[in-house]
Amino acid sequence: MSRRRFFIVGSVVFASFGLAIGGLVFFFYMVLGIDDSGSPRLAREWKSKLEAFPSYDEAKRQDPEIEGRQFRNGEWVCGFACNSHNRWHRGGGTLVVKDSRGDVRVFFGHVCGPDPYPFVNPETHNLDGFYNDLREHWEFIEQTIP
């Protein structure tokens, strides 16, 4: 086989292999990839659930799926979050919280893992810090959901 022909065949094989690997990577990204878009439907469902709870303790008692946090100053926040790291997971990137002020708020953004970081971040010491952290550090966008 001539050197030129060897180079052409080798290039075609190499390119084909590269396309196959790229296709697999794209496939796995689409199946297991990241979805931060949030879900208005899921947000309405969770908002309705949270509005019924008068306190963090009552929320935890009635629904163990609720994540939450009580701050040293007595304020609290609890809610639901849907992990962004699985495209098949309904509503990835949805965060709905209720706080000790009685507000139920909806955010869309990147929810990382089964223990969502907004609730476990030790650097937030009160409710204002919690919401500021969501907007400034984690870049969540608050939504208006009826």
N, C-alpha and C. Protein backbone atom coordinates (compact mmCIF):
# COMPACT_ATOMS: atom_id res chain seq x y z
N MET A 1 0.85 -1.17 0.00
CA MET A 1 0.00 0.00 0.00
C MET A 1 0.89 1.23 0.00
N SER A 2 0.56 2.15 -0.87
CA SER A 2 1.37 3.36 -0.97
C SER A 2 1.19 4.23 0.28
N ARG A 3 2.16 5.06 0.46
CA ARG A 3 2.14 5.95 1.61
C ARG A 3 0.92 6.88 1.56
N ARG A 4 0.60 7.40 0.40
CA ARG A 4 -0.54 8.31 0.24
C ARG A 4 -1.85 7.59 0.57
N ARG A 5 -2.00 6.40 0.04
CA ARG A 5 -3.21 5.63 0.28
C ARG A 5 -3.33 5.27 1.78
N PHE A 6 -2.24 4.91 2.39
CA PHE A 6 -2.21 4.60 3.81
C PHE A 6 -2.66 5.82 4.63
N PHE A 7 -2.19 6.99 4.25
CA PHE A 7 -2.56 8.24 4.94
C PHE A 7 -4.06 8.52 4.78
N ILE A 8 -4.61 8.35 3.59
CA ILE A 8 -6.03 8.61 3.34
C ILE A 8 -6.90 7.63 4.13
N VAL A 9 -6.58 6.34 4.05
CA VAL A 9 -7.35 5.34 4.79
C VAL A 9 -7.25 5.60 6.30
N GLY A 10 -6.07 5.88 6.77
CA GLY A 10 -5.87 6.18 8.19
C GLY A 10 -6.67 7.40 8.63
N SER A 11 -6.71 8.42 7.81
CA SER A 11 -7.46 9.64 8.11
C SER A 11 -8.96 9.37 8.18
N VAL A 12 -9.45 8.59 7.24
CA VAL A 12 -10.88 8.24 7.22
C VAL A 12 -11.24 7.43 8.47
N VAL A 13 -10.43 6.46 8.81
CA VAL A 13 -10.68 5.65 10.01
C VAL A 13 -10.64 6.53 11.26
N PHE A 14 -9.65 7.38 11.35
CA PHE A 14 -9.51 8.27 12.51
C PHE A 14 -10.72 9.22 12.61
N ALA A 15 -11.13 9.81 11.48
CA ALA A 15 -12.28 10.72 11.48
C ALA A 15 -13.56 9.97 11.86
N SER A 16 -13.73 8.77 11.34
CA SER A 16 -14.92 7.97 11.67
C SER A 16 -14.96 7.65 13.16
N PHE A 17 -13.83 7.29 13.70
CA PHE A 17 -13.73 6.99 15.13
C PHE A 17 -14.07 8.24 15.95
N GLY A 18 -13.55 9.38 15.53
CA GLY A 18 -13.82 10.64 16.23
C GLY A 18 -15.30 11.00 16.19
N LEU A 19 -15.94 10.82 15.04
CA LEU A 19 -17.37 11.10 14.93
C LEU A 19 -18.19 10.16 15.80
N ALA A 20 -17.80 8.89 15.84
CA ALA A 20 -18.51 7.91 16.67
C ALA A 20 -18.41 8.28 18.15
N ILE A 21 -17.23 8.63 18.59
CA ILE A 21 -17.04 9.04 20.00
C ILE A 21 -17.82 10.31 20.28
N GLY A 22 -17.75 11.28 19.39
CA GLY A 22 -18.51 12.52 19.56
C GLY A 22 -20.00 12.26 19.63
N GLY A 23 -20.50 11.36 18.79
CA GLY A 23 -21.91 11.00 18.82
C GLY A 23 -22.31 10.37 20.14
N LEU A 24 -21.46 9.50 20.67
CA LEU A 24 -21.75 8.88 21.97
C LEU A 24 -21.77 9.92 23.09
N VAL A 25 -20.80 10.82 23.07
CA VAL A 25 -20.75 11.86 24.09
C VAL A 25 -22.02 12.71 24.02
N PHE A 26 -22.40 13.11 22.81
CA PHE A 26 -23.61 13.92 22.64
C PHE A 26 -24.84 13.14 23.12
N PHE A 27 -24.93 11.86 22.79
CA PHE A 27 -26.06 11.03 23.21
C PHE A 27 -26.15 11.00 24.75
N PHE A 28 -25.03 10.72 25.42
CA PHE A 28 -25.06 10.65 26.88
C PHE A 28 -25.33 12.01 27.51
N TYR A 29 -24.88 13.08 26.89
CA TYR A 29 -25.19 14.42 27.40
C TYR A 29 -26.70 14.66 27.31
N MET A 30 -27.30 14.29 26.20
CA MET A 30 -28.74 14.51 26.03
C MET A 30 -29.56 13.64 26.98
N VAL A 31 -29.10 12.43 27.24
CA VAL A 31 -29.83 11.52 28.12
C VAL A 31 -29.58 11.86 29.58
N LEU A 32 -28.33 12.04 29.93
CA LEU A 32 -27.97 12.28 31.33
C LEU A 32 -27.50 13.70 31.58
N GLY A 33 -27.64 14.55 30.61
CA GLY A 33 -27.10 15.91 30.67
C GLY A 33 -27.80 16.80 31.67
N ILE A 34 -27.50 18.06 31.57
CA ILE A 34 -27.97 19.05 32.53
C ILE A 34 -29.19 19.78 31.97
N ASP A 35 -30.19 19.95 32.83
CA ASP A 35 -31.39 20.70 32.47
C ASP A 35 -31.68 21.69 33.58
N ASP A 36 -31.45 22.97 33.31
CA ASP A 36 -31.67 24.03 34.29
C ASP A 36 -32.91 24.86 33.96
N SER A 37 -33.73 24.39 33.03
CA SER A 37 -34.83 25.22 32.52
C SER A 37 -35.97 25.40 33.51
N GLY A 38 -36.13 24.51 34.47
CA GLY A 38 -37.22 24.63 35.43
C GLY A 38 -38.55 24.25 34.80
N SER A 39 -39.55 24.06 35.65
CA SER A 39 -40.87 23.65 35.19
C SER A 39 -41.95 24.46 35.88
N PRO A 40 -42.67 25.31 35.14
CA PRO A 40 -43.78 26.05 35.75
C PRO A 40 -44.85 25.12 36.33
N ARG A 41 -45.10 24.00 35.65
CA ARG A 41 -46.11 23.05 36.13
C ARG A 41 -45.70 22.45 37.48
N LEU A 42 -44.45 22.01 37.58
CA LEU A 42 -43.94 21.46 38.83
C LEU A 42 -43.90 22.54 39.91
N ALA A 43 -43.54 23.75 39.54
CA ALA A 43 -43.49 24.85 40.50
C ALA A 43 -44.88 25.13 41.08
N ARG A 44 -45.91 25.12 40.25
CA ARG A 44 -47.28 25.33 40.75
C ARG A 44 -47.68 24.22 41.72
N GLU A 45 -47.33 22.99 41.37
CA GLU A 45 -47.66 21.84 42.22
C GLU A 45 -46.99 21.99 43.59
N TRP A 46 -45.70 22.29 43.59
CA TRP A 46 -44.96 22.43 44.84
C TRP A 46 -45.40 23.66 45.63
N LYS A 47 -45.69 24.74 44.93
CA LYS A 47 -46.15 25.96 45.59
C LYS A 47 -47.44 25.68 46.36
N SER A 48 -48.35 24.97 45.73
CA SER A 48 -49.62 24.62 46.36
C SER A 48 -49.39 23.78 47.62
N LYS A 49 -48.47 22.83 47.55
CA LYS A 49 -48.15 22.00 48.72
C LYS A 49 -47.59 22.84 49.85
N LEU A 50 -46.63 23.70 49.52
CA LEU A 50 -45.94 24.48 50.55
C LEU A 50 -46.85 25.50 51.21
N GLU A 51 -47.79 26.07 50.47
CA GLU A 51 -48.69 27.07 51.05
C GLU A 51 -49.50 26.50 52.21
N ALA A 52 -49.72 25.20 52.21
CA ALA A 52 -50.52 24.56 53.26
C ALA A 52 -49.76 24.37 54.58
N PHE A 53 -48.44 24.45 54.55
CA PHE A 53 -47.65 24.19 55.76
C PHE A 53 -47.45 25.48 56.56
N PRO A 54 -47.83 25.47 57.86
CA PRO A 54 -47.66 26.68 58.67
C PRO A 54 -46.23 26.87 59.20
N SER A 55 -45.44 25.78 59.24
CA SER A 55 -44.10 25.88 59.81
C SER A 55 -43.17 24.85 59.18
N TYR A 56 -41.89 25.05 59.42
CA TYR A 56 -40.88 24.12 58.93
C TYR A 56 -41.08 22.74 59.57
N ASP A 57 -41.30 22.72 60.87
CA ASP A 57 -41.48 21.45 61.57
C ASP A 57 -42.68 20.68 61.03
N GLU A 58 -43.79 21.39 60.79
CA GLU A 58 -44.98 20.75 60.26
C GLU A 58 -44.74 20.25 58.84
N ALA A 59 -44.01 21.01 58.05
CA ALA A 59 -43.70 20.59 56.68
C ALA A 59 -42.88 19.30 56.70
N LYS A 60 -41.85 19.25 57.54
CA LYS A 60 -40.99 18.06 57.64
C LYS A 60 -41.79 16.85 58.15
N ARG A 61 -42.70 17.11 59.07
CA ARG A 61 -43.51 16.03 59.62
C ARG A 61 -44.44 15.44 58.55
N GLN A 62 -45.00 16.29 57.72
CA GLN A 62 -45.95 15.82 56.71
C GLN A 62 -45.31 15.30 55.43
N ASP A 63 -44.11 15.79 55.12
CA ASP A 63 -43.47 15.37 53.86
C ASP A 63 -41.95 15.28 54.05
N PRO A 64 -41.41 14.07 54.21
CA PRO A 64 -39.98 13.91 54.44
C PRO A 64 -39.11 14.30 53.23
N GLU A 65 -39.73 14.49 52.07
CA GLU A 65 -38.99 14.90 50.87
C GLU A 65 -38.56 16.37 50.93
N ILE A 66 -39.15 17.13 51.83
CA ILE A 66 -38.85 18.56 51.93
C ILE A 66 -37.45 18.76 52.49
N GLU A 67 -36.71 19.62 51.82
CA GLU A 67 -35.41 20.06 52.32
C GLU A 67 -35.65 21.34 53.10
N GLY A 68 -34.77 21.65 54.01
CA GLY A 68 -34.98 22.90 54.73
C GLY A 68 -33.83 23.26 55.64
N ARG A 69 -34.00 24.40 56.25
CA ARG A 69 -32.95 24.92 57.12
C ARG A 69 -33.52 25.92 58.10
N GLN A 70 -33.09 25.82 59.34
CA GLN A 70 -33.43 26.82 60.34
C GLN A 70 -32.16 27.59 60.66
N PHE A 71 -32.28 28.92 60.68
CA PHE A 71 -31.12 29.77 60.95
C PHE A 71 -31.05 30.09 62.45
N ARG A 72 -29.89 30.49 62.88
CA ARG A 72 -29.68 30.79 64.30
C ARG A 72 -30.60 31.89 64.82
N ASN A 73 -31.00 32.81 63.95
CA ASN A 73 -31.85 33.93 64.39
C ASN A 73 -33.34 33.54 64.45
N GLY A 74 -33.67 32.25 64.21
CA GLY A 74 -35.04 31.78 64.30
C GLY A 74 -35.76 31.71 62.96
N GLU A 75 -35.21 32.34 61.94
CA GLU A 75 -35.83 32.27 60.62
C GLU A 75 -35.63 30.87 60.04
N TRP A 76 -36.49 30.48 59.12
CA TRP A 76 -36.38 29.18 58.47
C TRP A 76 -36.80 29.27 57.01
N VAL A 77 -36.38 28.29 56.27
CA VAL A 77 -36.77 28.15 54.87
C VAL A 77 -36.84 26.66 54.56
N CYS A 78 -37.86 26.27 53.81
CA CYS A 78 -37.97 24.87 53.41
C CYS A 78 -38.59 24.80 52.02
N GLY A 79 -38.39 23.68 51.37
CA GLY A 79 -38.97 23.56 50.05
C GLY A 79 -38.52 22.33 49.30
N PHE A 80 -38.79 22.37 48.01
CA PHE A 80 -38.47 21.28 47.12
C PHE A 80 -37.53 21.77 46.03
N ALA A 81 -36.66 20.88 45.58
CA ALA A 81 -35.75 21.22 44.49
C ALA A 81 -35.59 20.00 43.59
N CYS A 82 -35.53 20.23 42.30
CA CYS A 82 -35.37 19.14 41.34
C CYS A 82 -33.99 19.22 40.70
N ASN A 83 -33.21 18.19 40.91
CA ASN A 83 -31.85 18.06 40.40
C ASN A 83 -31.77 18.36 38.91
N SER A 84 -30.79 19.14 38.51
CA SER A 84 -30.58 19.49 37.10
C SER A 84 -29.79 18.44 36.33
N HIS A 85 -29.21 17.46 37.03
CA HIS A 85 -28.28 16.52 36.40
C HIS A 85 -28.94 15.24 35.91
N ASN A 86 -30.04 15.36 35.19
CA ASN A 86 -30.66 14.19 34.57
C ASN A 86 -31.80 14.69 33.69
N ARG A 87 -31.60 14.69 32.40
CA ARG A 87 -32.62 15.19 31.48
C ARG A 87 -33.94 14.45 31.57
N TRP A 88 -33.92 13.21 32.03
CA TRP A 88 -35.16 12.44 32.14
C TRP A 88 -35.93 12.81 33.39
N HIS A 89 -35.30 13.54 34.30
CA HIS A 89 -35.94 13.92 35.55
C HIS A 89 -36.88 15.10 35.28
N ARG A 90 -38.11 14.98 35.67
CA ARG A 90 -39.11 16.01 35.41
C ARG A 90 -38.77 17.32 36.12
N GLY A 91 -38.69 18.40 35.37
CA GLY A 91 -38.55 19.73 35.96
C GLY A 91 -37.20 20.10 36.49
N GLY A 92 -36.12 19.57 35.93
CA GLY A 92 -34.77 19.91 36.39
C GLY A 92 -34.56 21.41 36.48
N GLY A 93 -33.96 21.84 37.58
CA GLY A 93 -33.68 23.26 37.75
C GLY A 93 -34.80 24.03 38.43
N THR A 94 -35.74 23.34 39.05
CA THR A 94 -36.87 23.99 39.73
C THR A 94 -36.61 24.00 41.24
N LEU A 95 -36.76 25.16 41.86
CA LEU A 95 -36.61 25.32 43.31
C LEU A 95 -37.79 26.14 43.81
N VAL A 96 -38.55 25.59 44.76
CA VAL A 96 -39.70 26.29 45.33
C VAL A 96 -39.54 26.25 46.85
N VAL A 97 -39.59 27.42 47.48
CA VAL A 97 -39.35 27.50 48.92
C VAL A 97 -40.44 28.30 49.63
N LYS A 98 -40.65 27.95 50.90
CA LYS A 98 -41.49 28.73 51.79
C LYS A 98 -40.63 29.15 52.96
N ASP A 99 -40.83 30.37 53.43
CA ASP A 99 -39.98 30.85 54.52
C ASP A 99 -40.81 31.26 55.73
N SER A 100 -40.11 31.62 56.80
CA SER A 100 -40.75 31.97 58.06
C SER A 100 -41.55 33.27 57.96
N ARG A 101 -41.39 34.02 56.89
CA ARG A 101 -42.19 35.24 56.66
C ARG A 101 -43.53 34.90 56.01
N GLY A 102 -43.71 33.62 55.62
CA GLY A 102 -44.95 33.19 54.98
C GLY A 102 -44.91 33.27 53.47
N ASP A 103 -43.79 33.70 52.90
CA ASP A 103 -43.67 33.82 51.45
C ASP A 103 -43.35 32.47 50.82
N VAL A 104 -43.96 32.18 49.68
CA VAL A 104 -43.61 31.03 48.86
C VAL A 104 -43.03 31.60 47.57
N ARG A 105 -41.79 31.22 47.28
CA ARG A 105 -41.07 31.79 46.14
C ARG A 105 -40.55 30.69 45.24
N VAL A 106 -40.52 30.99 43.94
CA VAL A 106 -40.13 30.02 42.91
C VAL A 106 -38.89 30.54 42.20
N PHE A 107 -37.91 29.65 42.01
CA PHE A 107 -36.67 29.99 41.31
C PHE A 107 -36.35 28.91 40.30
N PHE A 108 -35.78 29.32 39.17
CA PHE A 108 -35.25 28.38 38.19
C PHE A 108 -33.76 28.62 38.09
N GLY A 109 -33.00 27.56 37.98
CA GLY A 109 -31.55 27.66 37.88
C GLY A 109 -30.93 26.28 38.02
N HIS A 110 -29.68 26.24 38.37
CA HIS A 110 -28.96 24.98 38.44
C HIS A 110 -29.05 24.38 39.84
N VAL A 111 -29.77 23.26 39.95
CA VAL A 111 -29.90 22.54 41.22
C VAL A 111 -28.93 21.37 41.14
N CYS A 112 -27.98 21.34 42.05
CA CYS A 112 -26.91 20.36 41.98
C CYS A 112 -27.08 19.27 43.02
N GLY A 113 -27.38 18.06 42.57
CA GLY A 113 -27.38 16.91 43.45
C GLY A 113 -28.64 16.70 44.26
N PRO A 114 -28.67 15.57 44.94
CA PRO A 114 -29.84 15.21 45.72
C PRO A 114 -30.02 16.04 46.99
N ASP A 115 -28.95 16.61 47.53
CA ASP A 115 -29.04 17.53 48.67
C ASP A 115 -28.72 18.92 48.16
N PRO A 116 -29.74 19.62 47.67
CA PRO A 116 -29.49 20.90 46.99
C PRO A 116 -28.73 21.89 47.87
N TYR A 117 -27.68 22.45 47.31
CA TYR A 117 -26.80 23.35 48.05
C TYR A 117 -27.47 24.58 48.64
N PRO A 118 -28.55 25.11 48.09
CA PRO A 118 -29.09 26.30 48.77
C PRO A 118 -29.47 26.02 50.21
N PHE A 119 -29.87 24.79 50.50
CA PHE A 119 -30.30 24.47 51.86
C PHE A 119 -29.15 24.09 52.77
N VAL A 120 -28.06 23.63 52.22
CA VAL A 120 -26.97 23.14 53.05
C VAL A 120 -25.77 24.07 53.12
N ASN A 121 -25.82 25.20 52.45
CA ASN A 121 -24.69 26.13 52.44
C ASN A 121 -24.48 26.72 53.84
N PRO A 122 -23.37 26.39 54.49
CA PRO A 122 -23.14 26.86 55.87
C PRO A 122 -22.81 28.35 55.96
N GLU A 123 -22.57 28.98 54.83
CA GLU A 123 -22.19 30.39 54.85
C GLU A 123 -23.38 31.34 54.96
N THR A 124 -24.59 30.86 54.78
CA THR A 124 -25.76 31.72 54.92
C THR A 124 -26.27 31.63 56.35
N HIS A 125 -26.50 32.81 56.95
CA HIS A 125 -26.86 32.87 58.36
C HIS A 125 -28.27 33.38 58.63
N ASN A 126 -28.97 33.82 57.57
CA ASN A 126 -30.34 34.30 57.74
C ASN A 126 -31.07 34.24 56.39
N LEU A 127 -32.34 34.57 56.42
CA LEU A 127 -33.18 34.47 55.23
C LEU A 127 -32.73 35.42 54.12
N ASP A 128 -32.40 36.66 54.49
CA ASP A 128 -31.94 37.61 53.46
C ASP A 128 -30.67 37.10 52.79
N GLY A 129 -29.77 36.52 53.58
CA GLY A 129 -28.54 35.96 53.02
C GLY A 129 -28.83 34.77 52.12
N PHE A 130 -29.81 33.97 52.50
CA PHE A 130 -30.20 32.81 51.70
C PHE A 130 -30.66 33.26 50.31
N TYR A 131 -31.58 34.24 50.27
CA TYR A 131 -32.10 34.71 48.98
C TYR A 131 -31.03 35.44 48.17
N ASN A 132 -30.21 36.20 48.85
CA ASN A 132 -29.11 36.88 48.15
C ASN A 132 -28.15 35.87 47.54
N ASP A 133 -27.85 34.81 48.29
CA ASP A 133 -26.96 33.76 47.81
C ASP A 133 -27.55 33.08 46.57
N LEU A 134 -28.86 32.83 46.58
CA LEU A 134 -29.51 32.23 45.41
C LEU A 134 -29.31 33.09 44.16
N ARG A 135 -29.53 34.40 44.32
CA ARG A 135 -29.45 35.31 43.17
C ARG A 135 -28.01 35.59 42.75
N GLU A 136 -27.20 35.96 43.69
CA GLU A 136 -25.85 36.44 43.37
C GLU A 136 -24.85 35.32 43.11
N HIS A 137 -24.81 34.35 43.99
CA HIS A 137 -23.79 33.31 43.88
C HIS A 137 -24.22 32.18 42.94
N TRP A 138 -25.45 31.71 43.10
CA TRP A 138 -25.91 30.56 42.32
C TRP A 138 -26.66 30.95 41.06
N GLU A 139 -26.94 32.23 40.90
CA GLU A 139 -27.58 32.80 39.69
C GLU A 139 -28.95 32.21 39.39
N PHE A 140 -29.72 31.94 40.45
CA PHE A 140 -31.11 31.53 40.27
C PHE A 140 -31.92 32.75 39.85
N ILE A 141 -32.95 32.51 39.05
CA ILE A 141 -33.82 33.59 38.60
C ILE A 141 -35.19 33.36 39.19
N GLU A 142 -35.67 34.36 39.95
CA GLU A 142 -36.99 34.21 40.57
C GLU A 142 -38.07 34.30 39.50
N GLN A 143 -39.08 33.47 39.66
CA GLN A 143 -40.18 33.37 38.70
C GLN A 143 -41.48 33.84 39.35
N THR A 144 -42.38 34.35 38.54
CA THR A 144 -43.72 34.68 39.01
C THR A 144 -44.65 33.58 38.52
N ILE A 145 -45.07 32.75 39.43
CA ILE A 145 -45.94 31.62 39.10
C ILE A 145 -47.26 31.81 39.84
N PRO A 146 -48.37 31.91 39.12
CA PRO A 146 -49.68 32.12 39.79
C PRO A 146 -50.10 30.92 40.61
